Amino acid sequence: MELNKETTLKIAQLARLSFSPNELEEMQKDLSQMIEFVEKLNEVDTNGIAPLTHIGTLGNRLREDEVKGSIDSTLAFENAPLKVGDFFAVPKVIKK
């Protein structure tokens, strides 16, 4: 599959990304390589091969639930850089 500039721009728009002309060219090359790799994987004969749910042979290791004590809130807030009432305060990271 050949990836053209318009398709690359559409993918960038959907991902909410903007690129300079040089970056767009590099991104187009990278995406083309990814598509070529997936197309090569599609050539592999997987008939008779069961799908994997885990890479290893071990399953989930479960443990019994145990009721344990918790720490006091004053102890929990001792190392908190900022506290508001009974809550940890964190800096705002999303700007609107």
Protein backbone atom coordinates (compact mmCIF):
# COMPACT_ATOMS: atom_id res chain seq x y z
CA MET A 1 0.00 0.00 0.00
CA GLU A 2 1.40 3.36 -0.99
CA LEU A 3 0.88 6.14 1.55
CA ASN A 4 0.46 9.56 -0.02
CA LYS A 5 0.80 13.02 1.49
CA GLU A 6 -2.95 13.58 1.75
CA THR A 7 -3.48 10.38 3.75
CA THR A 8 -0.60 11.26 6.05
CA LEU A 9 -2.10 14.72 6.62
CA LYS A 10 -5.49 13.14 7.37
CA ILE A 11 -3.93 10.76 9.92
CA ALA A 12 -2.10 13.69 11.53
CA GLN A 13 -5.33 15.67 11.70
CA LEU A 14 -7.20 12.75 13.30
CA ALA A 15 -4.39 12.39 15.85
CA ARG A 16 -4.44 16.14 16.47
CA LEU A 17 -0.80 16.46 15.41
CA SER A 18 0.85 19.12 13.30
CA PHE A 19 4.09 18.67 11.41
CA SER A 20 6.44 20.90 9.51
CA PRO A 21 6.95 19.90 5.85
CA ASN A 22 10.18 18.05 6.75
CA GLU A 23 8.55 16.28 9.70
CA LEU A 24 5.59 15.34 7.52
CA GLU A 25 7.91 13.72 5.00
CA GLU A 26 9.68 11.76 7.76
CA MET A 27 6.34 10.72 9.25
CA GLN A 28 5.14 9.53 5.85
CA LYS A 29 8.30 7.38 5.51
CA ASP A 30 7.84 5.94 9.02
CA LEU A 31 4.16 5.14 8.47
CA SER A 32 4.97 3.52 5.13
CA GLN A 33 7.55 1.28 6.82
CA MET A 34 4.99 0.28 9.45
CA ILE A 35 2.41 -0.58 6.79
CA GLU A 36 5.01 -2.62 4.85
CA PHE A 37 5.82 -4.56 8.01
CA VAL A 38 2.15 -5.37 8.67
CA GLU A 39 1.71 -6.43 5.03
CA LYS A 40 4.72 -8.74 5.39
CA LEU A 41 3.16 -10.24 8.54
CA ASN A 42 -0.04 -10.90 6.57
CA GLU A 43 1.99 -13.15 4.24
CA VAL A 44 2.81 -15.56 7.09
CA ASP A 45 0.78 -18.79 7.00
CA THR A 46 -0.91 -19.08 10.40
CA ASN A 47 -3.30 -21.93 9.56
CA GLY A 48 -3.41 -24.45 12.39
CA ILE A 49 -1.81 -22.05 14.88
CA ALA A 50 -3.90 -21.30 17.96
CA PRO A 51 -4.09 -17.67 19.02
CA LEU A 52 -2.05 -16.74 22.09
CA THR A 53 -3.56 -15.23 25.18
CA HIS A 54 -0.22 -15.21 27.02
CA ILE A 55 3.30 -15.31 25.67
CA GLY A 56 4.48 -17.58 28.46
CA THR A 57 3.04 -20.86 29.69
CA LEU A 58 2.21 -19.52 33.15
CA GLY A 59 -1.31 -18.34 33.87
CA ASN A 60 -2.39 -15.74 36.36
CA ARG A 61 -1.08 -16.21 39.85
CA LEU A 62 -3.82 -15.28 42.26
CA ARG A 63 -3.57 -14.81 46.00
CA GLU A 64 -6.14 -14.88 48.73
CA ASP A 65 -7.63 -11.54 49.74
CA GLU A 66 -6.41 -10.52 53.16
CA VAL A 67 -7.84 -7.76 55.27
CA LYS A 68 -5.01 -5.54 56.45
CA GLY A 69 -4.94 -2.30 58.34
CA SER A 70 -4.43 1.02 56.64
CA ILE A 71 -2.41 4.04 57.64
CA ASP A 72 -3.85 7.01 59.46
CA SER A 73 -4.66 10.05 57.27
CA THR A 74 -2.29 12.30 59.22
CA LEU A 75 0.52 9.84 58.52
CA ALA A 76 -0.48 9.68 54.83
CA PHE A 77 -0.37 13.47 54.49
CA GLU A 78 3.01 13.86 56.25
CA ASN A 79 5.01 13.85 53.01
CA ALA A 80 2.35 15.46 50.82
CA PRO A 81 3.67 18.68 49.29
CA LEU A 82 0.16 20.16 49.23
CA LYS A 83 -3.08 19.19 50.96
CA VAL A 84 -6.57 20.67 50.75
CA GLY A 85 -8.84 19.41 53.52
CA ASP A 86 -8.71 15.61 53.47
CA PHE A 87 -7.36 15.44 49.91
CA PHE A 88 -3.98 15.50 48.18
CA ALA A 89 -3.69 18.58 45.96
CA VAL A 90 -1.87 18.33 42.64
CA PRO A 91 -1.02 20.98 40.05
CA LYS A 92 -3.41 21.43 37.16
CA VAL A 93 -2.00 19.71 34.06
CA ILE A 94 -4.85 20.16 31.56
CA LYS A 95 -5.32 23.63 30.14
CA LYS A 96 -8.58 24.66 28.53
